[in-house]
Amino acid sequence: MNTGTKDLYQASEFARLTGVTVRALHHYDRLGLLRPKQRSRAGYRLYSAKDFAPLEQIVVLKFLGIPLKQIRRLLEPDAKLKEVLRKQRDVLFARRHQLDKAIAAINNAQRALDSDSSPDWKLFQLIVKEFEMQNSTDWKGKYFSEEAKAKVRERQKLWSPELQARVTQQWTELYADVEACMGEDPASPKAQALAARWKDLVGQFTGGDSEIQQGLNAMWADSANWPKDNEASRFVKPEIHNYMVKVMRAAKA
């Protein structure tokens, strides 16, 4: 960022020097991230040279994917910025790993096309799978805190393709059993046995972590607003979910 030489700058000048928009400066002011300490006689914001450093911090943290509300806390004197940056670094490493896998799948498909006139559609299925996984993470991410998302990505490293296939099969069988059982009393032993299987599979995903569980709960509570054609909706019918909610409530009662 070019700091210029003037003592005070109107928002348009400050935006031009720093490469951000006037709209962004106004937004940061409303959120309490960067509030200029002076105003002109006409009421316009006036920024000083001291405002360049905090703005640069905001831009860097925003680029790293840290939400603005969390950035506000990080700019406080006692903020644990080092710990947040470590967690965000882990998140970025996980994203890079996902992108590397997608790039590798595309490279394999290109090599196959170069060596053979007939495409191997299994390679293209791998490409689709990698991008679907990334899209899945994107829309689900809003339900999880940054800490929970970092923990989920750490747990994903433990999941081998064999384990993923086994758990997917277990969920498929459980959904079928729940659908066949929906005429049962939610408090019946048969329904409660399904609840135990459900909790076990959820526990394999969360590892018993309360922050990940909170994200899952928030996601399911908002199921009516999920994007169309997402993978969760394809597997879990609303009636199955509603029945299992009753079963879980009966278990608590």
Protein backbone atom coordinates (compact mmCIF):
# COMPACT_ATOMS: atom_id res chain seq x y z
CA MET A 1 0.00 0.00 0.00
CA ASN A 2 1.21 3.49 -0.85
CA THR A 3 0.94 5.65 2.27
CA GLY A 4 1.21 9.00 0.48
CA THR A 5 2.44 12.16 2.15
CA LYS A 6 -0.66 14.09 3.28
CA ASP A 7 -1.82 14.27 6.89
CA LEU A 8 -5.51 13.65 6.21
CA TYR A 9 -7.38 11.95 3.39
CA GLN A 10 -11.01 11.85 2.41
CA ALA A 11 -12.46 8.37 1.85
CA SER A 12 -12.09 8.54 -1.94
CA GLU A 13 -8.40 9.54 -1.67
CA PHE A 14 -7.68 6.93 0.98
CA ALA A 15 -9.40 4.25 -1.08
CA ARG A 16 -7.38 5.14 -4.18
CA LEU A 17 -4.09 5.04 -2.27
CA THR A 18 -4.80 1.72 -0.56
CA GLY A 19 -6.54 -0.12 -3.38
CA VAL A 20 -9.80 -0.75 -1.54
CA THR A 21 -13.22 0.67 -2.38
CA VAL A 22 -14.96 3.55 -0.64
CA ARG A 23 -17.84 1.16 0.01
CA ALA A 24 -15.46 -1.20 1.82
CA LEU A 25 -14.14 1.65 3.98
CA HIS A 26 -17.67 2.64 4.94
CA HIS A 27 -18.47 -0.99 5.76
CA TYR A 28 -15.37 -1.33 7.96
CA ASP A 29 -16.40 1.87 9.75
CA ARG A 30 -19.92 0.53 10.44
CA LEU A 31 -18.46 -2.70 11.83
CA GLY A 32 -16.03 -0.83 14.05
CA LEU A 33 -13.00 -2.28 12.26
CA LEU A 34 -11.57 1.01 11.04
CA ARG A 35 -13.15 4.19 12.32
CA PRO A 36 -11.45 7.45 11.30
CA LYS A 37 -11.00 9.69 14.31
CA GLN A 38 -11.72 12.90 12.44
CA ARG A 39 -14.47 14.32 10.24
CA SER A 40 -14.52 17.32 7.92
CA ARG A 41 -16.84 20.26 8.57
CA ALA A 42 -19.24 18.71 6.08
CA GLY A 43 -19.20 15.44 8.04
CA TYR A 44 -17.00 13.42 5.67
CA ARG A 45 -14.64 10.80 7.06
CA LEU A 46 -11.00 11.86 7.25
CA TYR A 47 -8.31 9.17 7.41
CA SER A 48 -4.77 9.71 8.68
CA ALA A 49 -1.44 7.95 8.11
CA LYS A 50 -2.09 5.92 11.27
CA ASP A 51 -5.07 4.24 9.55
CA PHE A 52 -2.91 2.54 6.90
CA ALA A 53 -1.50 -0.16 9.19
CA PRO A 54 -4.83 -1.39 10.61
CA LEU A 55 -6.37 -1.35 7.13
CA GLU A 56 -3.53 -3.51 5.87
CA GLN A 57 -4.18 -5.96 8.71
CA ILE A 58 -7.87 -6.11 7.80
CA VAL A 59 -7.10 -6.74 4.12
CA VAL A 60 -4.63 -9.53 4.91
CA LEU A 61 -6.90 -11.30 7.41
CA LYS A 62 -9.87 -10.99 5.04
CA PHE A 63 -7.78 -12.50 2.24
CA LEU A 64 -7.03 -15.45 4.51
CA GLY A 65 -10.75 -16.10 4.75
CA ILE A 66 -11.29 -14.90 8.32
CA PRO A 67 -14.81 -13.42 8.78
CA LEU A 68 -15.00 -9.67 9.41
CA LYS A 69 -16.72 -10.14 12.77
CA GLN A 70 -13.80 -12.28 13.91
CA ILE A 71 -11.29 -9.77 12.50
CA ARG A 72 -12.77 -7.12 14.77
CA ARG A 73 -11.90 -9.25 17.81
CA LEU A 74 -8.41 -9.93 16.43
CA LEU A 75 -7.63 -6.23 16.23
CA GLU A 76 -8.13 -5.87 19.98
CA PRO A 77 -4.94 -5.60 22.08
CA ASP A 78 -5.39 -8.93 23.88
CA ALA A 79 -6.46 -10.91 20.79
CA LYS A 80 -4.85 -14.32 20.22
CA LEU A 81 -3.89 -13.56 16.63
CA LYS A 82 -1.12 -16.17 16.53
CA GLU A 83 -3.53 -19.02 17.34
CA VAL A 84 -6.13 -17.85 14.81
CA LEU A 85 -3.50 -17.57 12.08
CA ARG A 86 -2.29 -21.08 12.85
CA LYS A 87 -5.81 -22.47 12.50
CA GLN A 88 -6.41 -20.51 9.31
CA ARG A 89 -3.14 -21.81 7.90
CA ASP A 90 -4.38 -25.35 8.53
CA VAL A 91 -7.62 -24.52 6.71
CA LEU A 92 -5.70 -23.17 3.70
CA PHE A 93 -3.43 -26.23 3.64
CA ALA A 94 -6.54 -28.46 3.55
CA ARG A 95 -8.04 -26.42 0.70
CA ARG A 96 -4.78 -26.64 -1.22
CA HIS A 97 -4.81 -30.41 -0.71
CA GLN A 98 -8.32 -30.59 -2.19
CA LEU A 99 -7.29 -28.47 -5.17
CA ASP A 100 -4.17 -30.58 -5.72
CA LYS A 101 -6.33 -33.70 -5.86
CA ALA A 102 -8.68 -32.08 -8.39
CA ILE A 103 -5.72 -30.93 -10.54
CA ALA A 104 -4.22 -34.43 -10.40
CA ALA A 105 -7.51 -35.94 -11.55
CA ILE A 106 -7.67 -33.50 -14.49
CA ASN A 107 -4.04 -34.24 -15.44
CA ASN A 108 -4.74 -37.98 -15.42
CA ALA A 109 -7.75 -37.47 -17.68
CA GLN A 110 -5.69 -35.31 -20.08
CA ARG A 111 -2.93 -37.92 -20.27
CA ALA A 112 -5.51 -40.61 -20.99
CA LEU A 113 -6.96 -38.52 -23.83
CA ASP A 114 -3.49 -37.89 -25.26
CA SER A 115 -2.67 -41.60 -25.34
CA ASP A 116 -6.04 -43.03 -26.38
CA SER A 117 -8.82 -41.75 -28.59
CA SER A 118 -11.50 -43.29 -26.36
CA PRO A 119 -11.85 -41.47 -22.99
CA ASP A 120 -11.82 -43.35 -19.70
CA TRP A 121 -15.04 -42.08 -18.10
CA LYS A 122 -13.96 -43.30 -14.68
CA LEU A 123 -11.28 -40.59 -14.70
CA PHE A 124 -13.89 -37.95 -15.46
CA GLN A 125 -16.03 -39.31 -12.62
CA LEU A 126 -13.07 -38.69 -10.30
CA ILE A 127 -12.90 -35.07 -11.48
CA VAL A 128 -16.60 -34.58 -10.83
CA LYS A 129 -16.24 -36.19 -7.40
CA GLU A 130 -13.40 -33.87 -6.39
CA PHE A 131 -15.30 -30.73 -7.40
CA GLU A 132 -18.51 -31.97 -5.78
CA MET A 133 -16.58 -32.45 -2.54
CA GLN A 134 -15.30 -28.88 -2.76
CA ASN A 135 -18.77 -27.47 -3.52
CA SER A 136 -20.14 -29.52 -0.64
CA THR A 137 -17.63 -27.95 1.73
CA ASP A 138 -18.47 -24.46 0.44
CA TRP A 139 -22.22 -24.52 1.11
CA LYS A 140 -21.95 -26.38 4.39
CA GLY A 141 -19.20 -24.14 5.71
CA LYS A 142 -21.54 -21.35 6.80
CA TYR A 143 -22.97 -23.57 9.54
CA PHE A 144 -19.59 -24.24 11.17
CA SER A 145 -17.30 -21.92 13.10
CA GLU A 146 -13.75 -21.47 11.79
CA GLU A 147 -12.52 -23.67 14.64
CA ALA A 148 -15.02 -26.41 13.79
CA LYS A 149 -14.13 -26.29 10.08
CA ALA A 150 -10.46 -26.67 10.92
CA LYS A 151 -11.26 -29.68 13.12
CA VAL A 152 -13.39 -31.26 10.37
CA ARG A 153 -10.55 -30.93 7.89
CA GLU A 154 -8.14 -32.50 10.38
CA ARG A 155 -10.51 -35.44 10.83
CA GLN A 156 -10.86 -35.83 7.05
CA LYS A 157 -7.17 -36.67 6.89
CA LEU A 158 -7.94 -39.80 8.94
CA TRP A 159 -10.54 -41.04 6.45
CA SER A 160 -9.15 -43.50 3.93
CA PRO A 161 -11.15 -44.32 0.77
CA GLU A 162 -11.91 -47.73 2.30
CA LEU A 163 -13.27 -46.18 5.50
CA GLN A 164 -15.33 -43.68 3.50
CA ALA A 165 -16.82 -46.48 1.41
CA ARG A 166 -17.67 -48.51 4.52
CA VAL A 167 -19.31 -45.59 6.31
CA THR A 168 -21.26 -44.63 3.18
CA GLN A 169 -22.58 -48.19 2.99
CA GLN A 170 -23.54 -48.08 6.67
CA TRP A 171 -25.46 -44.83 6.18
CA THR A 172 -27.21 -46.23 3.09
CA GLU A 173 -28.32 -49.31 5.01
CA LEU A 174 -29.42 -47.19 7.98
CA TYR A 175 -31.54 -44.89 5.79
CA ALA A 176 -33.26 -47.92 4.28
CA ASP A 177 -33.93 -49.41 7.73
CA VAL A 178 -35.29 -46.10 9.06
CA GLU A 179 -37.61 -45.75 6.06
CA ALA A 180 -38.94 -49.25 6.67
CA CYS A 181 -39.44 -48.48 10.37
CA MET A 182 -41.30 -45.17 10.14
CA GLY A 183 -44.59 -46.77 11.19
CA GLU A 184 -43.07 -47.75 14.54
CA ASP A 185 -43.52 -45.80 17.77
CA PRO A 186 -40.43 -43.51 18.05
CA ALA A 187 -39.95 -44.73 21.64
CA SER A 188 -40.06 -48.42 20.68
CA PRO A 189 -36.93 -50.57 21.13
CA LYS A 190 -36.69 -51.03 17.36
CA ALA A 191 -36.68 -47.28 16.72
CA GLN A 192 -34.26 -46.64 19.56
CA ALA A 193 -31.87 -49.23 18.12
CA LEU A 194 -31.85 -47.16 14.92
CA ALA A 195 -31.13 -44.06 17.01
CA ALA A 196 -28.10 -45.79 18.53
CA ARG A 197 -26.76 -46.64 15.06
CA TRP A 198 -27.39 -43.05 13.93
CA LYS A 199 -25.53 -41.59 16.92
CA ASP A 200 -22.63 -43.96 16.34
CA LEU A 201 -22.20 -42.88 12.71
CA VAL A 202 -22.50 -39.20 13.60
CA GLY A 203 -19.92 -39.76 16.34
CA GLN A 204 -17.51 -41.22 13.79
CA PHE A 205 -17.75 -37.93 11.89
CA THR A 206 -17.58 -35.54 14.87
CA GLY A 207 -15.15 -37.54 16.98
CA GLY A 208 -17.26 -36.40 19.94
CA ASP A 209 -16.31 -32.76 19.37
CA SER A 210 -19.06 -30.40 20.56
CA GLU A 211 -18.18 -27.61 18.09
CA ILE A 212 -18.51 -29.94 15.08
CA GLN A 213 -21.77 -31.29 16.53
CA GLN A 214 -23.13 -27.74 16.88
CA GLY A 215 -22.37 -27.12 13.21
CA LEU A 216 -24.18 -30.31 12.20
CA ASN A 217 -27.18 -29.38 14.33
CA ALA A 218 -27.35 -25.92 12.75
CA MET A 219 -27.06 -27.41 9.26
CA TRP A 220 -29.90 -29.88 9.79
CA ALA A 221 -32.10 -27.26 11.44
CA ASP A 222 -31.79 -25.21 8.24
CA SER A 223 -32.45 -28.11 5.85
CA ALA A 224 -35.35 -26.23 4.22
CA ASN A 225 -32.83 -23.69 2.87
CA TRP A 226 -30.24 -26.11 1.53
CA PRO A 227 -29.19 -25.56 -2.10
CA LYS A 228 -31.02 -27.64 -4.66
CA ASP A 229 -29.51 -30.95 -5.77
CA ASN A 230 -27.06 -31.09 -2.86
CA GLU A 231 -25.78 -34.54 -1.94
CA ALA A 232 -27.40 -34.59 1.50
CA SER A 233 -30.89 -34.04 0.09
CA ARG A 234 -30.36 -36.81 -2.43
CA PHE A 235 -29.71 -39.32 0.35
CA VAL A 236 -31.92 -38.16 3.22
CA LYS A 237 -35.60 -37.70 2.51
CA PRO A 238 -37.35 -35.07 4.67
CA GLU A 239 -39.69 -37.68 6.15
CA ILE A 240 -36.72 -39.79 7.27
CA HIS A 241 -35.11 -36.80 8.94
CA ASN A 242 -38.38 -35.77 10.62
CA TYR A 243 -38.95 -39.28 11.93
CA MET A 244 -35.42 -39.48 13.36
CA VAL A 245 -35.94 -36.14 15.11
CA LYS A 246 -38.93 -37.72 16.89
CA VAL A 247 -36.89 -40.81 17.72
CA MET A 248 -34.06 -38.71 19.21
CA ARG A 249 -36.53 -36.67 21.26
CA ALA A 250 -38.08 -39.88 22.56
CA ALA A 251 -34.60 -41.09 23.56
CA LYS A 252 -33.99 -37.90 25.57
CA ALA A 253 -37.41 -38.17 27.22
